[in-house]
């Protein structure tokens, strides 16, 4: 199949893709599906040398995807993105006080693992490097209050 034929097939796929219950996928899901198709085509045994995301031949399919998702949002067929509220300092403090999170020198392996996961997710999660500049000893209420040595300085 040529790139042009694949572009036409992908256009049709993007506008006809549905969940099992018949509802439409959200924008992020459709972009994830596109990325999965890209990885499938690039991996063995296919080893395609082109990109369905960035090659000029696939501009039409990508424009169809963007316009389709935009139309779904505009018509209310898919909900807009709902962002969760940020974790407050009081909530973090309660996690430390309850023992769910603990100091860097904790002898409790489960508590240490939860704490490490929490900080990695908080500072290196989906927001990429945006929050890294805020990674200081002051951001950790337990560490600051108990003056426990930490590698977060």
N, C-alpha and C. Protein backbone atom coordinates (compact mmCIF):
# COMPACT_ATOMS: atom_id res chain seq x y z
N UNK A 1 0.85 -1.18 0.00
CA UNK A 1 0.00 0.00 0.00
C UNK A 1 0.90 1.24 0.00
N UNK A 2 0.56 2.19 -0.84
CA UNK A 2 1.36 3.41 -0.92
C UNK A 2 1.01 4.34 0.24
N UNK A 3 1.85 5.34 0.44
CA UNK A 3 1.60 6.32 1.50
C UNK A 3 0.27 7.04 1.28
N UNK A 4 -0.02 7.37 0.04
CA UNK A 4 -1.25 8.09 -0.28
C UNK A 4 -2.48 7.25 0.04
N UNK A 5 -2.41 5.95 -0.30
CA UNK A 5 -3.53 5.04 0.00
C UNK A 5 -3.69 4.89 1.52
N UNK A 6 -2.57 4.76 2.21
CA UNK A 6 -2.63 4.65 3.67
C UNK A 6 -3.21 5.92 4.29
N UNK A 7 -2.85 7.07 3.76
CA UNK A 7 -3.40 8.34 4.24
C UNK A 7 -4.92 8.32 4.14
N UNK A 8 -5.47 7.87 3.01
CA UNK A 8 -6.92 7.82 2.82
C UNK A 8 -7.57 6.83 3.79
N UNK A 9 -6.93 5.69 4.01
CA UNK A 9 -7.47 4.69 4.95
C UNK A 9 -7.49 5.24 6.37
N UNK A 10 -6.42 5.93 6.74
CA UNK A 10 -6.33 6.48 8.09
C UNK A 10 -7.38 7.57 8.29
N UNK A 11 -7.62 8.38 7.26
CA UNK A 11 -8.67 9.40 7.35
C UNK A 11 -10.01 8.76 7.69
N UNK A 12 -10.34 7.70 6.96
CA UNK A 12 -11.61 7.00 7.20
C UNK A 12 -11.64 6.38 8.60
N UNK A 13 -10.51 5.83 9.01
CA UNK A 13 -10.45 5.20 10.33
C UNK A 13 -10.69 6.22 11.44
N UNK A 14 -10.02 7.38 11.35
CA UNK A 14 -10.16 8.39 12.39
C UNK A 14 -11.61 8.81 12.59
N UNK A 15 -12.35 8.96 11.51
CA UNK A 15 -13.74 9.43 11.62
C UNK A 15 -14.71 8.31 11.99
N UNK A 16 -14.28 7.07 11.89
CA UNK A 16 -15.20 5.97 12.20
C UNK A 16 -14.85 5.23 13.49
N UNK A 17 -13.75 5.56 14.12
CA UNK A 17 -13.34 4.87 15.35
C UNK A 17 -14.31 5.16 16.49
N UNK A 18 -14.76 4.10 17.16
CA UNK A 18 -15.69 4.22 18.28
C UNK A 18 -15.30 3.23 19.37
N UNK A 19 -15.76 3.51 20.58
CA UNK A 19 -15.60 2.57 21.67
C UNK A 19 -16.59 1.42 21.48
N UNK A 20 -16.48 0.38 22.31
CA UNK A 20 -17.39 -0.76 22.21
C UNK A 20 -18.84 -0.35 22.39
N UNK A 21 -19.09 0.65 23.23
CA UNK A 21 -20.46 1.08 23.47
C UNK A 21 -20.96 2.07 22.41
N UNK A 22 -20.16 2.35 21.40
CA UNK A 22 -20.58 3.22 20.30
C UNK A 22 -20.26 4.69 20.49
N UNK A 23 -19.74 5.09 21.65
CA UNK A 23 -19.42 6.49 21.88
C UNK A 23 -18.07 6.81 21.25
N UNK A 24 -17.81 8.09 21.10
CA UNK A 24 -16.57 8.55 20.48
C UNK A 24 -15.43 8.59 21.48
N UNK A 25 -14.22 8.45 20.96
CA UNK A 25 -13.03 8.60 21.79
C UNK A 25 -12.74 10.08 21.99
N UNK A 26 -12.11 10.41 23.11
CA UNK A 26 -11.67 11.79 23.35
C UNK A 26 -10.42 12.08 22.54
N UNK A 27 -10.05 13.34 22.51
CA UNK A 27 -8.89 13.81 21.76
C UNK A 27 -7.62 13.05 22.17
N UNK A 28 -7.38 12.94 23.46
CA UNK A 28 -6.15 12.29 23.92
C UNK A 28 -6.12 10.82 23.54
N UNK A 29 -7.27 10.17 23.57
CA UNK A 29 -7.32 8.76 23.18
C UNK A 29 -7.04 8.59 21.69
N UNK A 30 -7.60 9.49 20.89
CA UNK A 30 -7.36 9.41 19.44
C UNK A 30 -5.90 9.67 19.12
N UNK A 31 -5.28 10.59 19.82
CA UNK A 31 -3.84 10.85 19.59
C UNK A 31 -3.01 9.64 20.04
N UNK A 32 -3.46 8.97 21.10
CA UNK A 32 -2.76 7.76 21.56
C UNK A 32 -2.91 6.63 20.54
N UNK A 33 -4.09 6.52 19.95
CA UNK A 33 -4.31 5.51 18.91
C UNK A 33 -3.41 5.79 17.71
N UNK A 34 -3.31 7.07 17.32
CA UNK A 34 -2.44 7.44 16.21
C UNK A 34 -0.99 7.07 16.53
N UNK A 35 -0.55 7.34 17.75
CA UNK A 35 0.82 7.00 18.16
C UNK A 35 1.03 5.49 18.15
N UNK A 36 0.02 4.74 18.54
CA UNK A 36 0.13 3.27 18.53
C UNK A 36 0.25 2.75 17.10
N UNK A 37 -0.51 3.32 16.18
CA UNK A 37 -0.41 2.93 14.76
C UNK A 37 0.99 3.26 14.25
N UNK A 38 1.49 4.44 14.61
CA UNK A 38 2.84 4.85 14.20
C UNK A 38 3.88 3.84 14.71
N UNK A 39 3.80 3.48 15.99
CA UNK A 39 4.76 2.52 16.55
C UNK A 39 4.64 1.16 15.85
N UNK A 40 3.41 0.73 15.56
CA UNK A 40 3.19 -0.54 14.89
C UNK A 40 3.85 -0.55 13.51
N UNK A 41 3.68 0.53 12.77
CA UNK A 41 4.25 0.60 11.42
C UNK A 41 5.78 0.69 11.44
N UNK A 42 6.33 1.32 12.46
CA UNK A 42 7.78 1.51 12.54
C UNK A 42 8.52 0.29 13.09
N UNK A 43 7.81 -0.59 13.80
CA UNK A 43 8.48 -1.74 14.43
C UNK A 43 8.53 -2.93 13.48
N UNK A 44 9.42 -3.89 13.76
CA UNK A 44 9.50 -5.10 12.94
C UNK A 44 8.18 -5.87 13.02
N UNK A 45 7.75 -6.51 12.04
CA UNK A 45 8.41 -6.76 10.76
C UNK A 45 8.12 -5.69 9.71
N UNK A 46 7.34 -4.68 10.03
CA UNK A 46 6.93 -3.68 9.03
C UNK A 46 8.05 -2.70 8.70
N UNK A 47 8.69 -2.13 9.71
CA UNK A 47 9.85 -1.24 9.54
C UNK A 47 9.62 -0.15 8.50
N UNK A 48 8.47 0.50 8.55
CA UNK A 48 8.17 1.55 7.57
C UNK A 48 9.06 2.76 7.85
N UNK A 49 9.66 3.34 6.81
CA UNK A 49 10.59 4.46 7.01
C UNK A 49 9.91 5.83 7.12
N UNK A 50 8.59 5.87 7.16
CA UNK A 50 7.88 7.14 7.20
C UNK A 50 7.10 7.28 8.51
N UNK A 51 6.64 8.49 8.76
CA UNK A 51 5.89 8.79 9.98
C UNK A 51 4.49 9.27 9.62
N UNK A 52 3.47 8.62 10.18
CA UNK A 52 2.09 9.08 9.93
C UNK A 52 1.77 10.33 10.75
N UNK A 53 2.68 10.71 11.62
CA UNK A 53 2.45 11.89 12.46
C UNK A 53 3.07 13.14 11.83
N UNK A 54 4.27 13.01 11.28
CA UNK A 54 4.98 14.21 10.82
C UNK A 54 5.23 14.30 9.31
N UNK A 55 5.08 13.23 8.57
CA UNK A 55 5.32 13.30 7.12
C UNK A 55 4.24 14.13 6.43
N UNK A 56 4.67 14.89 5.42
CA UNK A 56 3.76 15.77 4.68
C UNK A 56 2.63 15.00 3.99
N UNK A 57 2.89 13.77 3.59
CA UNK A 57 1.87 12.96 2.92
C UNK A 57 0.66 12.74 3.82
N UNK A 58 0.89 12.70 5.13
CA UNK A 58 -0.18 12.40 6.08
C UNK A 58 -0.78 13.66 6.71
N UNK A 59 -0.48 14.81 6.14
CA UNK A 59 -1.06 16.06 6.64
C UNK A 59 -2.58 16.02 6.56
N UNK A 60 -3.10 15.46 5.48
CA UNK A 60 -4.55 15.37 5.31
C UNK A 60 -5.21 14.56 6.42
N UNK A 61 -4.64 13.41 6.74
CA UNK A 61 -5.20 12.56 7.80
C UNK A 61 -5.11 13.26 9.15
N UNK A 62 -4.01 13.94 9.40
CA UNK A 62 -3.85 14.64 10.67
C UNK A 62 -4.81 15.82 10.79
N UNK A 63 -5.05 16.51 9.68
CA UNK A 63 -6.02 17.61 9.70
C UNK A 63 -7.43 17.08 9.92
N UNK A 64 -7.75 15.94 9.30
CA UNK A 64 -9.06 15.31 9.51
C UNK A 64 -9.23 14.94 10.97
N UNK A 65 -8.20 14.36 11.57
CA UNK A 65 -8.26 13.99 12.99
C UNK A 65 -8.50 15.21 13.86
N UNK A 66 -7.73 16.26 13.65
CA UNK A 66 -7.88 17.47 14.46
C UNK A 66 -9.26 18.09 14.29
N UNK A 67 -9.73 18.18 13.05
CA UNK A 67 -11.05 18.77 12.79
C UNK A 67 -12.16 17.91 13.36
N UNK A 68 -12.03 16.60 13.26
CA UNK A 68 -13.06 15.69 13.77
C UNK A 68 -13.19 15.80 15.28
N UNK A 69 -12.06 15.79 15.97
CA UNK A 69 -12.09 15.89 17.43
C UNK A 69 -12.61 17.26 17.86
N UNK A 70 -12.22 18.29 17.15
CA UNK A 70 -12.71 19.64 17.46
C UNK A 70 -14.23 19.71 17.29
N UNK A 71 -14.74 19.09 16.23
CA UNK A 71 -16.18 19.07 16.00
C UNK A 71 -16.90 18.26 17.08
N UNK A 72 -16.33 17.16 17.51
CA UNK A 72 -16.94 16.36 18.58
C UNK A 72 -17.05 17.17 19.87
N UNK A 73 -16.00 17.92 20.19
CA UNK A 73 -16.04 18.76 21.40
C UNK A 73 -17.07 19.87 21.25
N UNK A 74 -17.11 20.50 20.08
CA UNK A 74 -18.01 21.61 19.84
C UNK A 74 -19.47 21.17 19.92
N UNK A 75 -19.77 19.99 19.41
CA UNK A 75 -21.15 19.50 19.41
C UNK A 75 -21.52 18.80 20.71
N UNK A 76 -20.56 18.64 21.60
CA UNK A 76 -20.84 18.03 22.90
C UNK A 76 -20.86 16.51 22.89
N UNK A 77 -20.36 15.89 21.83
CA UNK A 77 -20.35 14.43 21.76
C UNK A 77 -19.26 13.82 22.63
N UNK A 78 -18.24 14.58 22.92
CA UNK A 78 -17.24 14.17 23.91
C UNK A 78 -17.08 15.32 24.89
N UNK A 79 -16.86 14.98 26.12
CA UNK A 79 -16.71 16.00 27.16
C UNK A 79 -15.37 16.69 27.03
N UNK A 80 -15.35 17.93 27.45
CA UNK A 80 -14.09 18.66 27.49
C UNK A 80 -13.20 18.07 28.57
N UNK A 81 -11.95 18.43 28.54
CA UNK A 81 -11.01 17.93 29.54
C UNK A 81 -11.37 18.52 30.90
N UNK A 82 -11.44 17.65 31.90
CA UNK A 82 -11.72 18.10 33.25
C UNK A 82 -10.45 17.87 34.07
N UNK A 83 -9.85 18.96 34.49
CA UNK A 83 -8.61 18.87 35.25
C UNK A 83 -8.92 18.64 36.72
N UNK A 84 -8.13 17.80 37.34
CA UNK A 84 -8.26 17.55 38.76
C UNK A 84 -7.67 18.73 39.52
N UNK A 85 -8.17 18.93 40.75
CA UNK A 85 -7.61 19.98 41.59
C UNK A 85 -6.22 19.56 42.05
N UNK A 86 -5.36 20.54 42.21
CA UNK A 86 -4.01 20.27 42.69
C UNK A 86 -4.06 19.80 44.14
N UNK A 87 -3.10 18.99 44.52
CA UNK A 87 -2.99 18.53 45.90
C UNK A 87 -2.54 19.71 46.75
N UNK A 88 -3.28 19.97 47.82
CA UNK A 88 -2.94 21.12 48.68
C UNK A 88 -1.85 20.73 49.68
N UNK A 89 -1.21 21.75 50.25
CA UNK A 89 -0.19 21.51 51.26
C UNK A 89 -0.79 20.82 52.49
N UNK A 90 -2.03 21.17 52.82
CA UNK A 90 -2.70 20.53 53.95
C UNK A 90 -2.91 19.04 53.70
N UNK A 91 -3.27 18.67 52.47
CA UNK A 91 -3.46 17.26 52.14
C UNK A 91 -2.14 16.50 52.23
N UNK A 92 -1.07 17.12 51.76
CA UNK A 92 0.24 16.47 51.85
C UNK A 92 0.64 16.32 53.32
N UNK A 93 0.39 17.34 54.10
CA UNK A 93 0.71 17.29 55.53
C UNK A 93 -0.04 16.14 56.20
N UNK A 94 -1.32 15.96 55.85
CA UNK A 94 -2.11 14.86 56.43
C UNK A 94 -1.55 13.50 56.03
N UNK A 95 -1.02 13.38 54.81
CA UNK A 95 -0.41 12.13 54.38
C UNK A 95 0.82 11.79 55.22
N UNK A 96 1.60 12.82 55.54
CA UNK A 96 2.76 12.59 56.41
C UNK A 96 2.32 12.25 57.83
N UNK A 97 1.36 12.97 58.36
CA UNK A 97 0.89 12.74 59.73
C UNK A 97 0.25 11.37 59.90
N UNK A 98 -0.41 10.88 58.86
CA UNK A 98 -1.07 9.57 58.95
C UNK A 98 -0.09 8.42 58.76
N UNK A 99 1.13 8.72 58.31
CA UNK A 99 2.13 7.67 58.11
C UNK A 99 2.12 7.08 56.71
N UNK A 100 1.26 7.57 55.84
CA UNK A 100 1.26 7.10 54.45
C UNK A 100 2.55 7.51 53.75
N UNK A 101 3.01 8.72 54.04
CA UNK A 101 4.29 9.21 53.53
C UNK A 101 5.21 9.43 54.71
N UNK A 102 6.51 9.38 54.48
CA UNK A 102 7.44 9.52 55.59
C UNK A 102 8.73 10.20 55.18
N UNK A 103 9.67 10.30 56.12
CA UNK A 103 10.94 10.98 55.86
C UNK A 103 11.84 10.16 54.94
N UNK A 104 12.86 10.80 54.41
CA UNK A 104 13.78 10.14 53.49
C UNK A 104 14.57 9.02 54.16
N UNK A 105 14.73 9.07 55.49
CA UNK A 105 15.48 8.01 56.18
C UNK A 105 14.55 7.00 56.86
N UNK A 106 13.34 6.87 56.36
CA UNK A 106 12.37 5.95 56.92
C UNK A 106 12.88 4.51 56.85
N UNK A 107 12.61 3.74 57.89
CA UNK A 107 12.98 2.33 57.91
C UNK A 107 11.84 1.45 57.40
N UNK A 108 10.71 2.06 57.09
CA UNK A 108 9.55 1.33 56.59
C UNK A 108 9.61 1.31 55.06
N UNK A 109 9.90 0.15 54.45
CA UNK A 109 10.08 0.11 53.00
C UNK A 109 8.84 0.53 52.22
N UNK A 110 7.65 0.15 52.68
CA UNK A 110 6.42 0.52 51.98
C UNK A 110 6.20 2.02 52.03
N UNK A 111 6.45 2.62 53.20
CA UNK A 111 6.30 4.06 53.36
C UNK A 111 7.32 4.80 52.49
N UNK A 112 8.54 4.32 52.46
CA UNK A 112 9.59 4.93 51.65
C UNK A 112 9.24 4.84 50.16
N UNK A 113 8.72 3.69 49.76
CA UNK A 113 8.33 3.53 48.36
C UNK A 113 7.18 4.47 47.99
N UNK A 114 6.18 4.58 48.86
CA UNK A 114 5.07 5.49 48.59
C UNK A 114 5.55 6.94 48.52
N UNK A 115 6.45 7.31 49.40
CA UNK A 115 6.97 8.68 49.42
C UNK A 115 7.76 8.97 48.15
N UNK A 116 8.64 8.05 47.77
CA UNK A 116 9.43 8.23 46.54
C UNK A 116 8.50 8.33 45.33
N UNK A 117 7.52 7.44 45.26
CA UNK A 117 6.58 7.48 44.14
C UNK A 117 5.82 8.81 44.11
N UNK A 118 5.39 9.26 45.28
CA UNK A 118 4.64 10.51 45.37
C UNK A 118 5.46 11.67 44.81
N UNK A 119 6.71 11.81 45.27
CA UNK A 119 7.54 12.93 44.81
C UNK A 119 7.92 12.80 43.33
N UNK A 120 8.19 11.59 42.87
CA UNK A 120 8.50 11.42 41.45
C UNK A 120 7.30 11.79 40.59
N UNK A 121 6.12 11.37 41.00
CA UNK A 121 4.91 11.69 40.25
C UNK A 121 4.62 13.18 40.32
N UNK A 122 4.77 13.77 41.49
CA UNK A 122 4.47 15.18 41.67
C UNK A 122 5.37 16.07 40.82
N UNK A 123 6.66 15.78 40.79
CA UNK A 123 7.61 16.67 40.13
C UNK A 123 8.05 16.25 38.74
N UNK A 124 7.88 14.97 38.41
CA UNK A 124 8.33 14.52 37.09
C UNK A 124 7.21 13.87 36.30
N UNK A 125 5.98 14.12 36.69
CA UNK A 125 4.82 13.51 36.04
C UNK A 125 4.52 14.13 34.70
N UNK A 126 3.26 14.18 34.35
CA UNK A 126 2.82 14.60 33.03
C UNK A 126 3.19 16.03 32.69
N UNK A 127 3.47 16.86 33.66
CA UNK A 127 3.76 18.26 33.38
C UNK A 127 5.21 18.46 32.97
N UNK A 128 5.90 17.38 32.71
CA UNK A 128 7.29 17.40 32.28
C UNK A 128 8.18 18.17 33.24
N UNK A 129 8.93 19.16 32.75
CA UNK A 129 9.89 19.85 33.61
C UNK A 129 9.31 21.07 34.30
N UNK A 130 8.03 21.33 34.08
CA UNK A 130 7.43 22.55 34.61
C UNK A 130 7.59 22.69 36.12
N UNK A 131 7.43 21.61 36.86
CA UNK A 131 7.47 21.68 38.32
C UNK A 131 8.86 21.41 38.90
N UNK A 132 9.83 21.08 38.09
CA UNK A 132 11.15 20.73 38.62
C UNK A 132 11.81 21.90 39.34
N UNK A 133 11.58 23.11 38.88
CA UNK A 133 12.21 24.26 39.53
C UNK A 133 11.68 24.46 40.95
N UNK A 134 10.51 23.88 41.25
CA UNK A 134 9.92 24.00 42.58
C UNK A 134 10.40 22.90 43.53
N UNK A 135 11.21 21.97 43.06
CA UNK A 135 11.66 20.84 43.86
C UNK A 135 12.74 21.30 44.83
N UNK A 136 12.31 21.67 46.04
CA UNK A 136 13.22 22.12 47.08
C UNK A 136 12.85 21.46 48.39
N UNK A 137 13.68 21.63 49.39
CA UNK A 137 13.40 21.09 50.70
C UNK A 137 12.13 21.69 51.29
N UNK A 138 11.85 22.94 50.95
CA UNK A 138 10.67 23.62 51.47
C UNK A 138 9.37 23.02 50.94
N UNK A 139 9.41 22.32 49.81
CA UNK A 139 8.19 21.75 49.24
C UNK A 139 7.75 20.51 49.99
N UNK A 140 8.60 19.97 50.83
CA UNK A 140 8.30 18.74 51.56
C UNK A 140 8.00 19.08 53.01
N UNK A 141 6.73 19.17 53.40
CA UNK A 141 6.39 19.66 54.73
C UNK A 141 6.99 18.83 55.86
N UNK A 142 7.03 17.52 55.73
CA UNK A 142 7.56 16.68 56.80
C UNK A 142 9.05 16.90 56.95
N UNK A 143 9.74 16.91 55.82
CA UNK A 143 11.19 17.08 55.84
C UNK A 143 11.56 18.41 56.49
N UNK A 144 10.83 19.47 56.16
CA UNK A 144 11.14 20.80 56.68
C UNK A 144 10.86 20.86 58.18
N UNK A 145 9.71 20.35 58.58
CA UNK A 145 9.29 20.44 59.97
C UNK A 145 10.21 19.63 60.89
N UNK A 146 10.66 18.46 60.43
CA UNK A 146 11.49 17.60 61.28
C UNK A 146 12.98 17.70 60.99
N UNK A 147 13.32 18.57 60.05
CA UNK A 147 14.72 18.82 59.69
C UNK A 147 15.50 17.53 59.46
N UNK A 148 14.89 16.62 58.72
CA UNK A 148 15.54 15.37 58.36
C UNK A 148 16.35 15.63 57.10
N UNK A 149 17.57 15.11 57.07
CA UNK A 149 18.40 15.33 55.90
C UNK A 149 17.73 14.69 54.69
N UNK A 150 17.87 15.35 53.57
CA UNK A 150 17.18 14.88 52.37
C UNK A 150 18.04 15.18 51.16
N UNK A 151 17.79 14.46 50.11
CA UNK A 151 18.48 14.70 48.84
C UNK A 151 17.70 15.67 47.99
N UNK A 152 16.66 16.30 48.53
CA UNK A 152 15.83 17.20 47.75
C UNK A 152 16.32 18.64 47.78
N UNK A 153 17.48 18.92 48.27
CA UNK A 153 17.96 20.30 48.34
C UNK A 153 18.56 20.74 47.04
